[in-house]
Amino acid sequence: MSNRAVLEVIALNAEDAVAAQAGGADRLELVTDMAADGLTPPRETFAAIRAAVDIPLRVMLRAADGFAAGDVDALVASARALRAEGAEEFVLGFLNPDGTPDLVTVERLAAELEGCRWTFHRAIDRAADRDQLRKELAGLPGLDTYLTAGAAEGVDAGLPVLLAEAARRGEPGYEAQILVGGGLRLDHLPALRAAGVDAFHIGGAARPNGWSFPVSAAAVEDWREALS
């Protein structure tokens, strides 16, 4: 395994995707509606991005703001349609009202994805017990990544948790890659890299002018260089 860190960038459309790839992104997370923290993009958007770039794409499966699954049948239908369009990697994560993982929904979607690789996203940062969540999800087919800031408030607050979890990599429940994102800044990188974290996720940091503007290839390049 190379020590090149993975840089994942949020893309809302083909313009974002092309800029992110040009800046050195290794993978894209495809979402729509960042006002709701990212929902499942339309099938047409996936197709346009897939045609525009040749790096891996992870597609969000999320129907509503918050961490409840909502209409699970609609999520399953979205997963099926996206797979038919060629999607091979996904992002998902749901909690019950008490902060435990919604295993019924997660297992149903994992079964629908049939071994496609997927990320359990920042719902882990709202879990009642992170360690318990990881152990309950361990062994689910396709789960290879946790997107986490270590805390609901973001990386500033969650850094100690991230460093502690990185030290447990390989233990039961800790086999999946830690993908750090959520208020991540360049000055967080040295401590995370020293701890062995090798995957990073940026959204707003790739858009210096805000979410109403496209991804900046130059901003992505700054991150790529900082990780090299």
Protein backbone atom coordinates (compact mmCIF):
# COMPACT_ATOMS: atom_id res chain seq x y z
CA MET A 1 0.00 0.00 0.00
CA SER A 2 1.39 3.40 -0.98
CA ASN A 3 1.53 6.14 1.60
CA ARG A 4 -0.26 8.55 -0.75
CA ALA A 5 -3.24 9.89 1.17
CA VAL A 6 -6.71 9.73 -0.36
CA LEU A 7 -8.29 13.13 -1.03
CA GLU A 8 -12.07 13.01 -1.49
CA VAL A 9 -13.93 16.14 -2.63
CA ILE A 10 -17.66 16.84 -2.61
CA ALA A 11 -19.03 17.42 -6.11
CA LEU A 12 -22.51 18.71 -6.88
CA ASN A 13 -22.23 18.59 -10.67
CA ALA A 14 -19.92 17.86 -13.60
CA GLU A 15 -18.23 21.28 -13.38
CA ASP A 16 -17.24 20.56 -9.76
CA ALA A 17 -16.07 17.09 -10.71
CA VAL A 18 -13.82 18.26 -13.53
CA ALA A 19 -12.22 20.94 -11.33
CA ALA A 20 -11.71 18.52 -8.43
CA GLN A 21 -10.05 15.93 -10.66
CA ALA A 22 -7.86 18.63 -12.24
CA GLY A 23 -6.75 19.70 -8.74
CA GLY A 24 -5.72 16.17 -7.81
CA ALA A 25 -8.75 14.66 -6.07
CA ASP A 26 -8.61 10.87 -5.82
CA ARG A 27 -12.34 10.37 -5.36
CA LEU A 28 -15.55 12.38 -5.34
CA GLU A 29 -18.54 12.26 -3.03
CA LEU A 30 -21.64 13.07 -5.06
CA VAL A 31 -24.49 14.85 -3.31
CA THR A 32 -27.18 17.41 -3.93
CA ASP A 33 -28.70 20.02 -1.60
CA MET A 34 -25.93 21.02 0.79
CA ALA A 35 -28.49 23.10 2.73
CA ALA A 36 -29.66 19.69 4.00
CA ASP A 37 -26.02 18.51 4.45
CA GLY A 38 -26.10 16.46 1.26
CA LEU A 39 -28.84 14.27 -0.22
CA THR A 40 -28.95 11.65 -2.99
CA PRO A 41 -28.21 13.32 -6.34
CA PRO A 42 -30.45 12.71 -9.36
CA ARG A 43 -29.50 9.77 -11.55
CA GLU A 44 -28.89 12.24 -14.42
CA THR A 45 -26.34 14.14 -12.34
CA PHE A 46 -24.46 10.93 -11.61
CA ALA A 47 -24.45 10.06 -15.31
CA ALA A 48 -23.13 13.50 -16.29
CA ILE A 49 -20.34 13.34 -13.71
CA ARG A 50 -19.45 9.75 -14.62
CA ALA A 51 -19.08 10.86 -18.23
CA ALA A 52 -16.93 13.88 -17.26
CA VAL A 53 -14.27 12.29 -15.02
CA ASP A 54 -12.55 8.95 -14.55
CA ILE A 55 -11.87 8.89 -10.80
CA PRO A 56 -14.01 6.86 -8.36
CA LEU A 57 -17.37 8.30 -7.34
CA ARG A 58 -19.15 7.63 -4.05
CA VAL A 59 -22.84 8.51 -4.24
CA MET A 60 -24.84 9.66 -1.22
CA LEU A 61 -27.92 7.64 -0.25
CA ARG A 62 -29.87 10.04 1.95
CA ALA A 63 -33.43 11.24 1.45
CA ALA A 64 -33.83 13.93 4.13
CA ASP A 65 -31.87 16.18 6.47
CA GLY A 66 -30.94 14.55 9.77
CA PHE A 67 -29.93 10.98 10.51
CA ALA A 68 -33.27 9.14 10.39
CA ALA A 69 -33.67 6.97 7.30
CA GLY A 70 -37.12 8.25 6.36
CA ASP A 71 -38.56 6.51 3.28
CA VAL A 72 -36.43 3.37 3.07
CA ASP A 73 -38.22 2.10 -0.04
CA ALA A 74 -37.23 5.31 -1.82
CA LEU A 75 -33.61 4.87 -0.70
CA VAL A 76 -33.60 1.30 -2.05
CA ALA A 77 -35.11 2.51 -5.34
CA SER A 78 -32.45 5.23 -5.58
CA ALA A 79 -29.68 2.71 -4.96
CA ARG A 80 -31.11 0.40 -7.62
CA ALA A 81 -31.44 3.21 -10.19
CA LEU A 82 -27.92 4.51 -9.52
CA ARG A 83 -26.45 1.02 -9.81
CA ALA A 84 -28.26 0.58 -13.12
CA GLU A 85 -26.58 3.82 -14.23
CA GLY A 86 -23.17 2.41 -13.28
CA ALA A 87 -22.63 3.59 -9.70
CA GLU A 88 -20.32 1.24 -7.82
CA GLU A 89 -19.58 3.05 -4.52
CA PHE A 90 -21.92 4.70 -2.04
CA VAL A 91 -22.19 6.75 1.16
CA LEU A 92 -24.88 6.15 3.79
CA GLY A 93 -25.55 6.09 7.52
CA PHE A 94 -28.66 6.15 9.69
CA LEU A 95 -29.39 6.33 13.39
CA ASN A 96 -32.39 5.46 15.51
CA PRO A 97 -33.82 8.25 17.70
CA ASP A 98 -31.80 6.92 20.66
CA GLY A 99 -28.51 7.31 18.79
CA THR A 100 -27.99 3.62 18.06
CA PRO A 101 -27.32 2.57 14.46
CA ASP A 102 -30.44 1.88 12.38
CA LEU A 103 -29.27 -1.61 11.50
CA VAL A 104 -32.52 -2.56 9.78
CA THR A 105 -32.10 0.16 7.18
CA VAL A 106 -28.32 -0.13 6.87
CA GLU A 107 -28.50 -3.90 6.40
CA ARG A 108 -31.28 -3.57 3.82
CA LEU A 109 -29.26 -1.09 1.79
CA ALA A 110 -26.06 -3.11 2.15
CA ALA A 111 -27.96 -6.11 0.77
CA GLU A 112 -29.23 -4.00 -2.15
CA LEU A 113 -25.67 -2.84 -2.87
CA GLU A 114 -24.49 -6.46 -3.08
CA GLY A 115 -20.91 -5.89 -2.01
CA CYS A 116 -20.40 -2.45 -3.55
CA ARG A 117 -18.00 -0.51 -1.35
CA TRP A 118 -19.54 2.13 0.88
CA THR A 119 -18.79 4.74 3.52
CA PHE A 120 -20.71 5.08 6.78
CA HIS A 121 -20.86 8.86 7.01
CA ARG A 122 -20.87 11.38 9.83
CA ALA A 123 -23.91 9.85 11.51
CA ILE A 124 -21.17 8.18 13.59
CA ASP A 125 -20.43 11.62 15.06
CA ARG A 126 -24.01 11.76 16.43
CA ALA A 127 -24.04 8.18 17.74
CA ALA A 128 -24.76 7.51 21.41
CA ASP A 129 -21.73 5.17 21.51
CA ARG A 130 -19.22 5.28 18.65
CA ASP A 131 -17.41 2.14 19.73
CA GLN A 132 -20.63 0.15 19.99
CA LEU A 133 -21.78 1.43 16.58
CA ARG A 134 -18.54 0.29 14.96
CA LYS A 135 -18.84 -3.15 16.54
CA GLU A 136 -22.47 -3.52 15.45
CA LEU A 137 -21.62 -2.58 11.86
CA ALA A 138 -18.42 -4.66 11.68
CA GLY A 139 -18.63 -7.32 9.02
CA LEU A 140 -21.37 -5.67 6.95
CA PRO A 141 -20.60 -6.39 3.28
CA GLY A 142 -18.96 -3.48 1.48
CA LEU A 143 -18.36 -1.21 4.49
CA ASP A 144 -14.77 -0.01 4.06
CA THR A 145 -14.76 3.59 5.33
CA TYR A 146 -16.02 5.84 8.14
CA LEU A 147 -16.36 9.53 7.31
CA THR A 148 -15.91 11.26 10.65
CA ALA A 149 -14.80 14.47 12.32
CA GLY A 150 -14.54 12.70 15.67
CA ALA A 151 -17.28 14.93 17.08
CA ALA A 152 -20.55 16.45 15.90
CA GLU A 153 -18.99 19.94 16.19
CA GLY A 154 -16.18 19.14 13.76
CA VAL A 155 -12.51 18.18 13.67
CA ASP A 156 -11.38 20.87 16.14
CA ALA A 157 -13.47 19.21 18.84
CA GLY A 158 -13.00 15.67 17.58
CA LEU A 159 -9.24 15.53 17.05
CA PRO A 160 -8.49 13.52 20.25
CA VAL A 161 -11.14 10.95 19.28
CA LEU A 162 -9.77 10.67 15.75
CA LEU A 163 -6.23 10.10 17.03
CA ALA A 164 -7.45 7.47 19.52
CA GLU A 165 -9.46 5.64 16.83
CA ALA A 166 -6.55 5.76 14.38
CA ALA A 167 -4.43 4.01 17.02
CA ARG A 168 -6.98 1.16 17.11
CA ARG A 169 -6.94 0.51 13.34
CA GLY A 170 -7.26 -3.20 12.70
CA GLU A 171 -9.06 -4.04 15.94
CA PRO A 172 -12.60 -5.50 15.68
CA GLY A 173 -14.84 -2.67 14.49
CA TYR A 174 -11.82 -0.57 13.47
CA GLU A 175 -10.83 -2.31 10.25
CA ALA A 176 -12.43 0.31 7.99
CA GLN A 177 -10.46 3.31 6.75
CA ILE A 178 -10.92 6.56 8.67
CA LEU A 179 -11.85 9.35 6.25
CA VAL A 180 -11.57 12.62 8.15
CA GLY A 181 -13.96 15.40 7.19
CA GLY A 182 -16.15 18.04 8.79
CA GLY A 183 -14.50 21.38 9.49
CA LEU A 184 -11.16 19.93 8.42
CA ARG A 185 -8.38 22.51 7.94
CA LEU A 186 -4.87 22.27 6.54
CA ASP A 187 -3.40 22.84 10.01
CA HIS A 188 -5.09 19.64 11.25
CA LEU A 189 -3.15 17.51 8.76
CA PRO A 190 0.24 17.10 10.49
CA ALA A 191 -1.19 15.51 13.65
CA LEU A 192 -3.57 13.30 11.68
CA ARG A 193 -0.89 12.16 9.24
CA ALA A 194 1.50 11.43 12.12
CA ALA A 195 -1.21 9.20 13.62
CA GLY A 196 -1.45 7.23 10.38
CA VAL A 197 -4.68 8.73 9.04
CA ASP A 198 -4.53 8.43 5.26
CA ALA A 199 -7.86 9.71 3.90
CA PHE A 200 -9.32 13.20 3.95
CA HIS A 201 -12.64 14.69 2.81
CA ILE A 202 -13.28 18.33 1.90
CA GLY A 203 -16.36 20.25 0.84
CA GLY A 204 -16.36 23.92 1.70
CA ALA A 205 -12.54 23.94 1.76
CA ALA A 206 -12.60 23.24 -1.99
CA ARG A 207 -14.83 26.29 -2.52
CA PRO A 208 -13.07 29.40 -1.18
CA ASN A 209 -15.96 31.58 -2.42
CA GLY A 210 -18.71 29.53 -0.79
CA TRP A 211 -21.17 26.79 -1.74
CA SER A 212 -22.87 28.93 -4.40
CA PHE A 213 -19.63 28.77 -6.40
CA PRO A 214 -18.02 25.74 -8.05
CA VAL A 215 -15.07 23.75 -6.79
CA SER A 216 -11.74 25.55 -7.23
CA ALA A 217 -9.09 23.34 -8.86
CA ALA A 218 -6.43 25.55 -7.24
CA ALA A 219 -7.90 25.01 -3.76
CA VAL A 220 -7.96 21.23 -4.30
CA GLU A 221 -4.36 21.41 -5.53
CA ASP A 222 -3.33 23.14 -2.29
CA TRP A 223 -4.72 20.18 -0.33
CA ARG A 224 -3.14 17.66 -2.65
CA GLU A 225 0.25 19.32 -2.17
CA ALA A 226 -0.19 19.49 1.60
CA LEU A 227 -0.86 15.75 1.63
CA SER A 228 2.05 14.84 -0.62
